Amino acid sequence: MRRRGFACFALALSLAPSGAKAQPSDLEAAYRHCRTLADASSRLACFDRLLPTPTTEGMDEMPPAPPPVATAPAPAPTAPATPRPPGPAAFGARDIASPKAEAAEPDQIESRVLGPLDRIIKGSRYTLENGQVWLNIDDRDVDVQFNSPAVTIEKNFLGNYWMRFHDGNLRIRVRRIQ
């Protein structure tokens, strides 16, 4: 580790302008001397002396400061966004509501899909009894014969949602759209 530090320090010095204060043969001895100093401030000052001082050629005077810019008055505070309803009504609403979660979201909900289902395909929308609308984003096409099936919508560890149909051994990926 110390060799790596010394190599980086030596490389930085080799890239410095030609007016360096120490010769390369003296540089290593000076570096080792600085490393032995116990006081942090004197050690830093020793290392600083090894580097050449920056030149200020071409910088005779500071450029003029830009004129002050008039700022607009701060906007008046607005009413907070309508909070999401707590509990099951908020389940899956992170895609359609504000990203600030005000109430704890459950890991799953149970409901029923309204109406009969004869085919499950990507892009289908399913309205649940609780009013939520879910979009099928799964790539599978499945022929089924369900009449208002009971479903459980579960949240997986990556933030996606699965709709599991109780009437059969079927689970599809969904996203809440309303």
C-alpha atoms as a PDB file:
ATOM      1  CA  MET A   1       0.000   0.000   0.000  1.00  0.00           C
ATOM      2  CA  ARG A   2       2.835   2.393   0.849  1.00  0.00           C
ATOM      3  CA  ARG A   3       4.557   1.598  -2.427  1.00  0.00           C
ATOM      4  CA  ARG A   4       1.404   2.440  -4.314  1.00  0.00           C
ATOM      5  CA  GLY A   5       1.148   5.743  -2.455  1.00  0.00           C
ATOM      6  CA  PHE A   6       4.778   6.526  -3.196  1.00  0.00           C
ATOM      7  CA  ALA A   7       4.336   5.583  -6.863  1.00  0.00           C
ATOM      8  CA  CYS A   8       1.325   7.902  -7.197  1.00  0.00           C
ATOM      9  CA  PHE A   9       3.201  10.696  -5.448  1.00  0.00           C
ATOM     10  CA  ALA A  10       6.262  10.222  -7.657  1.00  0.00           C
ATOM     11  CA  LEU A  11       4.084  10.199 -10.779  1.00  0.00           C
ATOM     12  CA  ALA A  12       2.405  13.435  -9.719  1.00  0.00           C
ATOM     13  CA  LEU A  13       5.785  15.044  -9.192  1.00  0.00           C
ATOM     14  CA  SER A  14       7.075  13.841 -12.541  1.00  0.00           C
ATOM     15  CA  LEU A  15       4.148  15.555 -14.235  1.00  0.00           C
ATOM     16  CA  ALA A  16       4.784  18.814 -12.366  1.00  0.00           C
ATOM     17  CA  PRO A  17       6.332  21.817 -14.170  1.00  0.00           C
ATOM     18  CA  SER A  18      10.103  21.818 -14.626  1.00  0.00           C
ATOM     19  CA  GLY A  19      10.744  24.223 -11.749  1.00  0.00           C
ATOM     20  CA  ALA A  20      10.513  21.515  -9.083  1.00  0.00           C
ATOM     21  CA  LYS A  21      12.258  22.301  -5.821  1.00  0.00           C
ATOM     22  CA  ALA A  22      13.917  18.904  -5.306  1.00  0.00           C
ATOM     23  CA  GLN A  23      15.897  16.640  -7.600  1.00  0.00           C
ATOM     24  CA  PRO A  24      14.485  13.125  -8.180  1.00  0.00           C
ATOM     25  CA  SER A  25      17.260  11.538  -6.099  1.00  0.00           C
ATOM     26  CA  ASP A  26      16.550  13.905  -3.212  1.00  0.00           C
ATOM     27  CA  LEU A  27      12.799  13.530  -3.632  1.00  0.00           C
ATOM     28  CA  GLU A  28      12.633  10.006  -2.255  1.00  0.00           C
ATOM     29  CA  ALA A  29      14.672  10.937   0.819  1.00  0.00           C
ATOM     30  CA  ALA A  30      12.502  14.011   1.416  1.00  0.00           C
ATOM     31  CA  TYR A  31       9.347  11.932   0.991  1.00  0.00           C
ATOM     32  CA  ARG A  32      10.599   9.372   3.525  1.00  0.00           C
ATOM     33  CA  HIS A  33      11.484  12.169   5.940  1.00  0.00           C
ATOM     34  CA  CYS A  34       7.980  13.639   5.644  1.00  0.00           C
ATOM     35  CA  ARG A  35       6.439  10.223   6.331  1.00  0.00           C
ATOM     36  CA  THR A  36       8.289   9.957   9.637  1.00  0.00           C
ATOM     37  CA  LEU A  37       6.831  13.170  11.078  1.00  0.00           C
ATOM     38  CA  ALA A  38       4.272  12.437  13.801  1.00  0.00           C
ATOM     39  CA  ASP A  39       2.388  15.748  13.803  1.00  0.00           C
ATOM     40  CA  ALA A  40      -0.208  15.800  11.016  1.00  0.00           C
ATOM     41  CA  SER A  41       0.085  19.522  10.275  1.00  0.00           C
ATOM     42  CA  SER A  42       3.891  19.466  10.068  1.00  0.00           C
ATOM     43  CA  ARG A  43       3.739  16.313   7.904  1.00  0.00           C
ATOM     44  CA  LEU A  44       1.333  18.039   5.514  1.00  0.00           C
ATOM     45  CA  ALA A  45       3.511  21.144   5.394  1.00  0.00           C
ATOM     46  CA  CYS A  46       6.520  18.939   4.604  1.00  0.00           C
ATOM     47  CA  PHE A  47       4.700  17.285   1.702  1.00  0.00           C
ATOM     48  CA  ASP A  48       3.507  20.682   0.460  1.00  0.00           C
ATOM     49  CA  ARG A  49       7.102  21.933   0.358  1.00  0.00           C
ATOM     50  CA  LEU A  50       8.002  19.046  -1.971  1.00  0.00           C
ATOM     51  CA  LEU A  51       5.577  20.270  -4.630  1.00  0.00           C
ATOM     52  CA  PRO A  52       6.289  23.376  -6.694  1.00  0.00           C
ATOM     53  CA  THR A  53       4.140  26.421  -6.017  1.00  0.00           C
ATOM     54  CA  PRO A  54       1.620  27.193  -8.747  1.00  0.00           C
ATOM     55  CA  THR A  55       2.437  30.139 -10.954  1.00  0.00           C
ATOM     56  CA  THR A  56       0.042  32.969 -11.570  1.00  0.00           C
ATOM     57  CA  GLU A  57       1.244  33.943 -15.034  1.00  0.00           C
ATOM     58  CA  GLY A  58      -1.481  35.612 -17.076  1.00  0.00           C
ATOM     59  CA  MET A  59      -3.633  36.232 -14.014  1.00  0.00           C
ATOM     60  CA  ASP A  60      -2.802  39.874 -13.340  1.00  0.00           C
ATOM     61  CA  GLU A  61      -6.206  40.691 -11.953  1.00  0.00           C
ATOM     62  CA  MET A  62      -9.412  38.943 -11.100  1.00  0.00           C
ATOM     63  CA  PRO A  63     -12.218  39.119 -13.668  1.00  0.00           C
ATOM     64  CA  PRO A  64     -15.072  41.436 -12.702  1.00  0.00           C
ATOM     65  CA  ALA A  65     -17.886  39.877 -10.748  1.00  0.00           C
ATOM     66  CA  PRO A  66     -21.104  39.369 -12.702  1.00  0.00           C
ATOM     67  CA  PRO A  67     -23.904  41.819 -11.911  1.00  0.00           C
ATOM     68  CA  PRO A  68     -26.420  40.588  -9.358  1.00  0.00           C
ATOM     69  CA  VAL A  69     -29.410  38.853 -10.840  1.00  0.00           C
ATOM     70  CA  ALA A  70     -32.880  39.747  -9.639  1.00  0.00           C
ATOM     71  CA  THR A  71     -34.597  36.704  -8.227  1.00  0.00           C
ATOM     72  CA  ALA A  72     -38.270  36.000  -8.451  1.00  0.00           C
ATOM     73  CA  PRO A  73     -40.195  35.923  -5.189  1.00  0.00           C
ATOM     74  CA  ALA A  74     -40.700  32.510  -3.685  1.00  0.00           C
ATOM     75  CA  PRO A  75     -43.912  30.844  -4.855  1.00  0.00           C
ATOM     76  CA  ALA A  76     -46.754  30.708  -2.396  1.00  0.00           C
ATOM     77  CA  PRO A  77     -47.143  27.356  -0.673  1.00  0.00           C
ATOM     78  CA  THR A  78     -49.650  25.112  -2.374  1.00  0.00           C
ATOM     79  CA  ALA A  79     -52.045  22.688  -0.827  1.00  0.00           C
ATOM     80  CA  PRO A  80     -50.584  19.201  -0.410  1.00  0.00           C
ATOM     81  CA  ALA A  81     -51.558  16.569  -2.938  1.00  0.00           C
ATOM     82  CA  THR A  82     -54.495  14.417  -1.977  1.00  0.00           C
ATOM     83  CA  PRO A  83     -53.176  11.617   0.177  1.00  0.00           C
ATOM     84  CA  ARG A  84     -53.536   8.047  -0.972  1.00  0.00           C
ATOM     85  CA  PRO A  85     -56.081   6.058   0.961  1.00  0.00           C
ATOM     86  CA  PRO A  86     -54.476   3.738   3.517  1.00  0.00           C
ATOM     87  CA  GLY A  87     -54.618  -0.046   3.446  1.00  0.00           C
ATOM     88  CA  PRO A  88     -55.932  -2.156   0.566  1.00  0.00           C
ATOM     89  CA  ALA A  89     -57.097   0.826  -1.488  1.00  0.00           C
ATOM     90  CA  ALA A  90     -53.453   1.974  -1.768  1.00  0.00           C
ATOM     91  CA  PHE A  91     -52.160  -1.437  -2.837  1.00  0.00           C
ATOM     92  CA  GLY A  92     -50.322  -1.212  -6.167  1.00  0.00           C
ATOM     93  CA  ALA A  93     -51.038   2.500  -6.551  1.00  0.00           C
ATOM     94  CA  ARG A  94     -47.367   3.513  -6.592  1.00  0.00           C
ATOM     95  CA  ASP A  95     -47.520   3.551 -10.411  1.00  0.00           C
ATOM     96  CA  ILE A  96     -50.511   5.884 -10.584  1.00  0.00           C
ATOM     97  CA  ALA A  97     -50.214   8.081  -7.484  1.00  0.00           C
ATOM     98  CA  SER A  98     -47.546  10.256  -5.931  1.00  0.00           C
ATOM     99  CA  PRO A  99     -44.338   8.408  -5.054  1.00  0.00           C
ATOM    100  CA  LYS A 100     -44.522   9.457  -1.399  1.00  0.00           C
ATOM    101  CA  ALA A 101     -46.126   6.612   0.497  1.00  0.00           C
ATOM    102  CA  GLU A 102     -48.103   7.980   3.386  1.00  0.00           C
ATOM    103  CA  ALA A 103     -49.584   4.697   4.578  1.00  0.00           C
ATOM    104  CA  ALA A 104     -48.073   1.265   4.815  1.00  0.00           C
ATOM    105  CA  GLU A 105     -48.929  -0.855   1.796  1.00  0.00           C
ATOM    106  CA  PRO A 106     -49.940  -4.482   2.467  1.00  0.00           C
ATOM    107  CA  ASP A 107     -48.004  -7.344   0.859  1.00  0.00           C
ATOM    108  CA  GLN A 108     -51.122  -8.738  -0.816  1.00  0.00           C
ATOM    109  CA  ILE A 109     -54.831  -8.200  -1.328  1.00  0.00           C
ATOM    110  CA  GLU A 110     -57.682 -10.559  -2.099  1.00  0.00           C
ATOM    111  CA  SER A 111     -60.640  -9.702  -4.290  1.00  0.00           C
ATOM    112  CA  ARG A 112     -62.676 -10.947  -7.248  1.00  0.00           C
ATOM    113  CA  VAL A 113     -62.442 -10.100 -10.937  1.00  0.00           C
ATOM    114  CA  LEU A 114     -65.764  -8.737 -12.217  1.00  0.00           C
ATOM    115  CA  GLY A 115     -67.387 -10.855 -14.931  1.00  0.00           C
ATOM    116  CA  PRO A 116     -66.463 -14.053 -16.711  1.00  0.00           C
ATOM    117  CA  LEU A 117     -63.019 -14.738 -18.197  1.00  0.00           C
ATOM    118  CA  ASP A 118     -62.473 -17.077 -21.119  1.00  0.00           C
ATOM    119  CA  ARG A 119     -58.964 -16.035 -22.151  1.00  0.00           C
ATOM    120  CA  ILE A 120     -56.036 -14.406 -20.417  1.00  0.00           C
ATOM    121  CA  ILE A 121     -53.794 -12.475 -22.807  1.00  0.00           C
ATOM    122  CA  LYS A 122     -51.213  -9.719 -22.534  1.00  0.00           C
ATOM    123  CA  GLY A 123     -52.831  -6.269 -22.437  1.00  0.00           C
ATOM    124  CA  SER A 124     -56.110  -7.434 -20.872  1.00  0.00           C
ATOM    125  CA  ARG A 125     -57.548  -5.238 -18.135  1.00  0.00           C
ATOM    126  CA  TYR A 126     -59.129  -6.743 -15.059  1.00  0.00           C
ATOM    127  CA  THR A 127     -61.484  -4.746 -12.832  1.00  0.00           C
ATOM    128  CA  LEU A 128     -61.724  -6.000  -9.276  1.00  0.00           C
ATOM    129  CA  GLU A 129     -64.661  -5.722  -6.888  1.00  0.00           C
ATOM    130  CA  ASN A 130     -62.821  -3.038  -4.926  1.00  0.00           C
ATOM    131  CA  GLY A 131     -62.638  -0.804  -8.044  1.00  0.00           C
ATOM    132  CA  GLN A 132     -58.965  -1.319  -8.834  1.00  0.00           C
ATOM    133  CA  VAL A 133     -58.023  -1.938 -12.464  1.00  0.00           C
ATOM    134  CA  TRP A 134     -55.014  -4.131 -13.253  1.00  0.00           C
ATOM    135  CA  LEU A 135     -53.286  -4.623 -16.617  1.00  0.00           C
ATOM    136  CA  ASN A 136     -51.909  -8.025 -17.650  1.00  0.00           C
ATOM    137  CA  ILE A 137     -48.220  -7.577 -18.565  1.00  0.00           C
ATOM    138  CA  ASP A 138     -47.446 -11.306 -18.711  1.00  0.00           C
ATOM    139  CA  ASP A 139     -46.457 -12.723 -22.111  1.00  0.00           C
ATOM    140  CA  ARG A 140     -48.492 -15.936 -21.853  1.00  0.00           C
ATOM    141  CA  ASP A 141     -51.835 -16.568 -23.571  1.00  0.00           C
ATOM    142  CA  VAL A 142     -54.065 -18.951 -21.621  1.00  0.00           C
ATOM    143  CA  ASP A 143     -57.575 -20.225 -22.360  1.00  0.00           C
ATOM    144  CA  VAL A 144     -59.622 -20.422 -19.144  1.00  0.00           C
ATOM    145  CA  GLN A 145     -63.247 -20.717 -18.045  1.00  0.00           C
ATOM    146  CA  PHE A 146     -63.558 -18.500 -14.962  1.00  0.00           C
ATOM    147  CA  ASN A 147     -66.727 -16.777 -13.736  1.00  0.00           C
ATOM    148  CA  SER A 148     -65.852 -13.859 -11.411  1.00  0.00           C
ATOM    149  CA  PRO A 149     -62.766 -15.658 -10.123  1.00  0.00           C
ATOM    150  CA  ALA A 150     -61.309 -14.948  -6.713  1.00  0.00           C
ATOM    151  CA  VAL A 151     -57.774 -13.594  -7.005  1.00  0.00           C
ATOM    152  CA  THR A 152     -54.900 -12.678  -4.747  1.00  0.00           C
ATOM    153  CA  ILE A 153     -52.570  -9.925  -5.892  1.00  0.00           C
ATOM    154  CA  GLU A 154     -49.142 -10.306  -4.343  1.00  0.00           C
ATOM    155  CA  LYS A 155     -46.183  -7.997  -4.355  1.00  0.00           C
ATOM    156  CA  ASN A 156     -42.865  -9.657  -5.174  1.00  0.00           C
ATOM    157  CA  PHE A 157     -39.452  -8.537  -3.941  1.00  0.00           C
ATOM    158  CA  LEU A 158     -38.636  -6.518  -7.098  1.00  0.00           C
ATOM    159  CA  GLY A 159     -41.729  -4.326  -6.866  1.00  0.00           C
ATOM    160  CA  ASN A 160     -43.758  -6.197  -9.489  1.00  0.00           C
ATOM    161  CA  TYR A 161     -47.172  -7.678  -8.800  1.00  0.00           C
ATOM    162  CA  TRP A 162     -48.582 -11.136  -9.426  1.00  0.00           C
ATOM    163  CA  MET A 163     -52.294 -11.944  -9.815  1.00  0.00           C
ATOM    164  CA  ARG A 164     -52.981 -15.493  -8.634  1.00  0.00           C
ATOM    165  CA  PHE A 165     -56.310 -17.033  -9.640  1.00  0.00           C
ATOM    166  CA  HIS A 166     -57.821 -19.268  -6.924  1.00  0.00           C
ATOM    167  CA  ASP A 167     -59.873 -21.285  -9.452  1.00  0.00           C
ATOM    168  CA  GLY A 168     -56.804 -22.727 -11.164  1.00  0.00           C
ATOM    169  CA  ASN A 169     -53.082 -23.040 -10.863  1.00  0.00           C
ATOM    170  CA  LEU A 170     -52.428 -19.772 -12.692  1.00  0.00           C
ATOM    171  CA  ARG A 171     -50.410 -16.714 -11.804  1.00  0.00           C
ATOM    172  CA  ILE A 172     -49.771 -13.726 -14.119  1.00  0.00           C
ATOM    173  CA  ARG A 173     -47.739 -10.526 -13.840  1.00  0.00           C
ATOM    174  CA  VAL A 174     -49.897  -7.404 -13.598  1.00  0.00           C
ATOM    175  CA  ARG A 175     -49.543  -3.652 -13.139  1.00  0.00           C
ATOM    176  CA  ARG A 176     -52.141  -1.425 -11.532  1.00  0.00           C
ATOM    177  CA  ILE A 177     -53.443   1.268 -13.860  1.00  0.00           C
ATOM    178  CA  GLN A 178     -56.361   2.664 -11.817  1.00  0.00           C
END
